Amino acid sequence: MSTDLGTGESTEARELVHFVTQRTRFTLVTNILQHPRQLPSMYELEQLNPSISEATVYKHVQKLIDAGIVTEVALPDAQRRQGYPWKFYGLTDEGRAFLEDHNLLEAEETLQRIYETITDKPEKMVKYENAPRPDDG
């Protein structure tokens, strides 16, 4: 692993910071952080980003998964309910640690408060927000 003299930060870490802070990906990370359970469904991510195509949202979520920042979690079959999402997206422990190490989580509480002020959410989004999550065990 190569490191920059004087900074001690690896090239890989710098590249990952650049990768995560790309506008669309950082917006998606922000959406995850501001979600009440920090586990939004793909639909919720799409609704929070109306100016981004659904295909682009999906593509960037997959890139974040491939980079180890985000994970996809699914409800067990027995907990799935028709008409509700069963796949959700959250930060991995490693992703959260990486974001903390690079001071990218400092606004987490503010983001959550901003999200709480959104009052014109579609009914389906409110329903999905309140859907069971894998950690409801």
C-alpha atoms as a PDB file:
ATOM      1  CA  MET A   1       0.000   0.000   0.000  1.00  0.00           C
ATOM      2  CA  SER A   2       1.444   3.348  -0.969  1.00  0.00           C
ATOM      3  CA  THR A   3       1.169   6.294   1.347  1.00  0.00           C
ATOM      4  CA  ASP A   4       1.693   9.969   0.836  1.00  0.00           C
ATOM      5  CA  LEU A   5       4.669  11.340   2.674  1.00  0.00           C
ATOM      6  CA  GLY A   6       3.594  13.539   5.502  1.00  0.00           C
ATOM      7  CA  THR A   7      -0.081  12.596   5.509  1.00  0.00           C
ATOM      8  CA  GLY A   8       0.016   8.917   6.352  1.00  0.00           C
ATOM      9  CA  GLU A   9      -3.162   8.421   4.303  1.00  0.00           C
ATOM     10  CA  SER A  10      -3.059   5.665   1.740  1.00  0.00           C
ATOM     11  CA  THR A  11      -3.785   6.199  -1.922  1.00  0.00           C
ATOM     12  CA  GLU A  12      -6.637   3.686  -1.591  1.00  0.00           C
ATOM     13  CA  ALA A  13      -8.216   5.677   1.246  1.00  0.00           C
ATOM     14  CA  ARG A  14      -7.970   8.915  -0.737  1.00  0.00           C
ATOM     15  CA  GLU A  15      -9.494   7.218  -3.762  1.00  0.00           C
ATOM     16  CA  LEU A  16     -12.326   5.820  -1.625  1.00  0.00           C
ATOM     17  CA  VAL A  17     -13.046   9.267  -0.157  1.00  0.00           C
ATOM     18  CA  HIS A  18     -13.210  10.642  -3.695  1.00  0.00           C
ATOM     19  CA  PHE A  19     -15.444   7.731  -4.750  1.00  0.00           C
ATOM     20  CA  VAL A  20     -17.861   8.140  -1.815  1.00  0.00           C
ATOM     21  CA  THR A  21     -18.046  11.923  -2.120  1.00  0.00           C
ATOM     22  CA  GLN A  22     -19.018  11.838  -5.812  1.00  0.00           C
ATOM     23  CA  ARG A  23     -22.274  13.826  -5.836  1.00  0.00           C
ATOM     24  CA  THR A  24     -24.815  11.054  -6.479  1.00  0.00           C
ATOM     25  CA  ARG A  25     -23.127   8.495  -4.229  1.00  0.00           C
ATOM     26  CA  PHE A  26     -22.698  10.973  -1.381  1.00  0.00           C
ATOM     27  CA  THR A  27     -26.342  11.981  -1.733  1.00  0.00           C
ATOM     28  CA  LEU A  28     -27.336   8.317  -1.382  1.00  0.00           C
ATOM     29  CA  VAL A  29     -25.095   7.896   1.679  1.00  0.00           C
ATOM     30  CA  THR A  30     -26.722  11.030   3.107  1.00  0.00           C
ATOM     31  CA  ASN A  31     -30.187   9.585   2.385  1.00  0.00           C
ATOM     32  CA  ILE A  32     -29.273   6.429   4.304  1.00  0.00           C
ATOM     33  CA  LEU A  33     -27.951   8.457   7.246  1.00  0.00           C
ATOM     34  CA  GLN A  34     -31.037  10.660   7.422  1.00  0.00           C
ATOM     35  CA  HIS A  35     -33.563   7.836   7.175  1.00  0.00           C
ATOM     36  CA  PRO A  36     -35.319   7.232  10.530  1.00  0.00           C
ATOM     37  CA  ARG A  37     -33.987   3.655  10.673  1.00  0.00           C
ATOM     38  CA  GLN A  38     -30.934   4.234   8.453  1.00  0.00           C
ATOM     39  CA  LEU A  39     -32.289   1.416   6.272  1.00  0.00           C
ATOM     40  CA  PRO A  40     -34.254   2.902   3.364  1.00  0.00           C
ATOM     41  CA  SER A  41     -35.721   0.772   0.601  1.00  0.00           C
ATOM     42  CA  MET A  42     -34.748   1.376  -3.029  1.00  0.00           C
ATOM     43  CA  TYR A  43     -38.137   3.061  -3.538  1.00  0.00           C
ATOM     44  CA  GLU A  44     -37.421   5.522  -0.715  1.00  0.00           C
ATOM     45  CA  LEU A  45     -33.996   6.319  -2.169  1.00  0.00           C
ATOM     46  CA  GLU A  46     -35.607   6.918  -5.559  1.00  0.00           C
ATOM     47  CA  GLN A  47     -38.297   9.192  -4.055  1.00  0.00           C
ATOM     48  CA  LEU A  48     -35.693  11.255  -2.212  1.00  0.00           C
ATOM     49  CA  ASN A  49     -33.881  11.843  -5.507  1.00  0.00           C
ATOM     50  CA  PRO A  50     -36.520  12.769  -8.085  1.00  0.00           C
ATOM     51  CA  SER A  51     -33.953  14.397 -10.386  1.00  0.00           C
ATOM     52  CA  ILE A  52     -31.948  11.152 -10.652  1.00  0.00           C
ATOM     53  CA  SER A  53     -33.254   8.267 -12.743  1.00  0.00           C
ATOM     54  CA  GLU A  54     -34.177   5.056 -10.939  1.00  0.00           C
ATOM     55  CA  ALA A  55     -31.518   3.211 -12.968  1.00  0.00           C
ATOM     56  CA  THR A  56     -28.860   5.684 -11.835  1.00  0.00           C
ATOM     57  CA  VAL A  57     -29.902   5.397  -8.179  1.00  0.00           C
ATOM     58  CA  TYR A  58     -29.710   1.595  -8.443  1.00  0.00           C
ATOM     59  CA  LYS A  59     -26.329   1.696 -10.237  1.00  0.00           C
ATOM     60  CA  HIS A  60     -24.752   3.944  -7.604  1.00  0.00           C
ATOM     61  CA  VAL A  61     -26.180   1.925  -4.695  1.00  0.00           C
ATOM     62  CA  GLN A  62     -24.613  -1.169  -6.287  1.00  0.00           C
ATOM     63  CA  LYS A  63     -21.268   0.653  -6.610  1.00  0.00           C
ATOM     64  CA  LEU A  64     -21.436   1.584  -2.907  1.00  0.00           C
ATOM     65  CA  ILE A  65     -22.192  -2.063  -2.074  1.00  0.00           C
ATOM     66  CA  ASP A  66     -19.252  -3.230  -4.194  1.00  0.00           C
ATOM     67  CA  ALA A  67     -16.997  -0.736  -2.370  1.00  0.00           C
ATOM     68  CA  GLY A  68     -18.069  -2.124   1.019  1.00  0.00           C
ATOM     69  CA  ILE A  69     -19.674   1.144   2.193  1.00  0.00           C
ATOM     70  CA  VAL A  70     -23.302   0.022   1.884  1.00  0.00           C
ATOM     71  CA  THR A  71     -24.938  -3.351   2.422  1.00  0.00           C
ATOM     72  CA  GLU A  72     -28.221  -4.768   1.225  1.00  0.00           C
ATOM     73  CA  VAL A  73     -30.251  -6.418   3.968  1.00  0.00           C
ATOM     74  CA  ALA A  74     -33.362  -8.468   3.380  1.00  0.00           C
ATOM     75  CA  LEU A  75     -36.250  -9.426   5.599  1.00  0.00           C
ATOM     76  CA  PRO A  76     -36.498 -13.148   6.298  1.00  0.00           C
ATOM     77  CA  ASP A  77     -39.206 -14.795   4.176  1.00  0.00           C
ATOM     78  CA  ALA A  78     -41.486 -15.235   7.213  1.00  0.00           C
ATOM     79  CA  GLN A  79     -41.469 -11.478   7.930  1.00  0.00           C
ATOM     80  CA  ARG A  80     -42.158 -10.311   4.361  1.00  0.00           C
ATOM     81  CA  ARG A  81     -45.544  -8.746   3.728  1.00  0.00           C
ATOM     82  CA  GLN A  82     -47.183  -8.260   0.366  1.00  0.00           C
ATOM     83  CA  GLY A  83     -47.134  -4.639  -0.742  1.00  0.00           C
ATOM     84  CA  TYR A  84     -44.168  -3.761   1.465  1.00  0.00           C
ATOM     85  CA  PRO A  85     -40.462  -3.637   0.657  1.00  0.00           C
ATOM     86  CA  TRP A  86     -38.240  -6.450   1.860  1.00  0.00           C
ATOM     87  CA  LYS A  87     -34.803  -5.218   0.740  1.00  0.00           C
ATOM     88  CA  PHE A  88     -33.162  -2.309   2.493  1.00  0.00           C
ATOM     89  CA  TYR A  89     -29.852  -0.489   2.266  1.00  0.00           C
ATOM     90  CA  GLY A  90     -27.666   0.601   5.147  1.00  0.00           C
ATOM     91  CA  LEU A  91     -24.075   1.407   5.954  1.00  0.00           C
ATOM     92  CA  THR A  92     -21.743  -1.467   6.688  1.00  0.00           C
ATOM     93  CA  ASP A  93     -19.821  -1.285   9.967  1.00  0.00           C
ATOM     94  CA  GLU A  94     -16.685  -0.735   7.884  1.00  0.00           C
ATOM     95  CA  GLY A  95     -18.425   1.943   5.821  1.00  0.00           C
ATOM     96  CA  ARG A  96     -19.564   3.790   8.948  1.00  0.00           C
ATOM     97  CA  ALA A  97     -16.047   3.579  10.422  1.00  0.00           C
ATOM     98  CA  PHE A  98     -14.534   4.852   7.163  1.00  0.00           C
ATOM     99  CA  LEU A  99     -16.960   7.785   7.040  1.00  0.00           C
ATOM    100  CA  GLU A 100     -16.250   8.607  10.696  1.00  0.00           C
ATOM    101  CA  ASP A 101     -12.488   8.390  10.133  1.00  0.00           C
ATOM    102  CA  HIS A 102     -12.788  10.914   7.296  1.00  0.00           C
ATOM    103  CA  ASN A 103     -15.160  13.297   9.110  1.00  0.00           C
ATOM    104  CA  LEU A 104     -18.036  12.539   6.744  1.00  0.00           C
ATOM    105  CA  LEU A 105     -20.579  11.809   9.497  1.00  0.00           C
ATOM    106  CA  GLU A 106     -20.432  15.096  11.374  1.00  0.00           C
ATOM    107  CA  ALA A 107     -23.843  16.245  10.095  1.00  0.00           C
ATOM    108  CA  GLU A 108     -25.656  12.960  10.809  1.00  0.00           C
ATOM    109  CA  GLU A 109     -28.018  14.336  13.489  1.00  0.00           C
ATOM    110  CA  THR A 110     -28.735  17.458  11.439  1.00  0.00           C
ATOM    111  CA  LEU A 111     -29.559  15.306   8.422  1.00  0.00           C
ATOM    112  CA  GLN A 112     -32.024  13.302  10.487  1.00  0.00           C
ATOM    113  CA  ARG A 113     -33.716  16.477  11.757  1.00  0.00           C
ATOM    114  CA  ILE A 114     -34.000  17.803   8.188  1.00  0.00           C
ATOM    115  CA  TYR A 115     -35.539  14.521   7.046  1.00  0.00           C
ATOM    116  CA  GLU A 116     -38.127  14.746   9.841  1.00  0.00           C
ATOM    117  CA  THR A 117     -39.280  18.102   8.439  1.00  0.00           C
ATOM    118  CA  ILE A 118     -40.278  16.625   5.063  1.00  0.00           C
ATOM    119  CA  THR A 119     -44.054  16.792   5.264  1.00  0.00           C
ATOM    120  CA  ASP A 120     -45.156  16.195   1.686  1.00  0.00           C
ATOM    121  CA  LYS A 121     -44.041  12.580   1.355  1.00  0.00           C
ATOM    122  CA  PRO A 122     -46.200  10.385  -0.870  1.00  0.00           C
ATOM    123  CA  GLU A 123     -48.438   7.970   1.049  1.00  0.00           C
ATOM    124  CA  LYS A 124     -46.494   4.991  -0.350  1.00  0.00           C
ATOM    125  CA  MET A 125     -43.238   6.439   1.004  1.00  0.00           C
ATOM    126  CA  VAL A 126     -44.703   6.847   4.493  1.00  0.00           C
ATOM    127  CA  LYS A 127     -45.975   3.251   4.274  1.00  0.00           C
ATOM    128  CA  TYR A 128     -42.515   2.033   3.200  1.00  0.00           C
ATOM    129  CA  GLU A 129     -40.814   4.079   5.924  1.00  0.00           C
ATOM    130  CA  ASN A 130     -42.919   2.257   8.496  1.00  0.00           C
ATOM    131  CA  ALA A 131     -42.423  -1.184   6.958  1.00  0.00           C
ATOM    132  CA  PRO A 132     -40.794  -3.882   9.085  1.00  0.00           C
ATOM    133  CA  ARG A 133     -36.992  -3.897   8.916  1.00  0.00           C
ATOM    134  CA  PRO A 134     -34.625  -6.843   9.379  1.00  0.00           C
ATOM    135  CA  ASP A 135     -33.575  -5.594  12.826  1.00  0.00           C
ATOM    136  CA  ASP A 136     -37.166  -5.675  14.146  1.00  0.00           C
ATOM    137  CA  GLY A 137     -36.668  -9.288  15.297  1.00  0.00           C
END
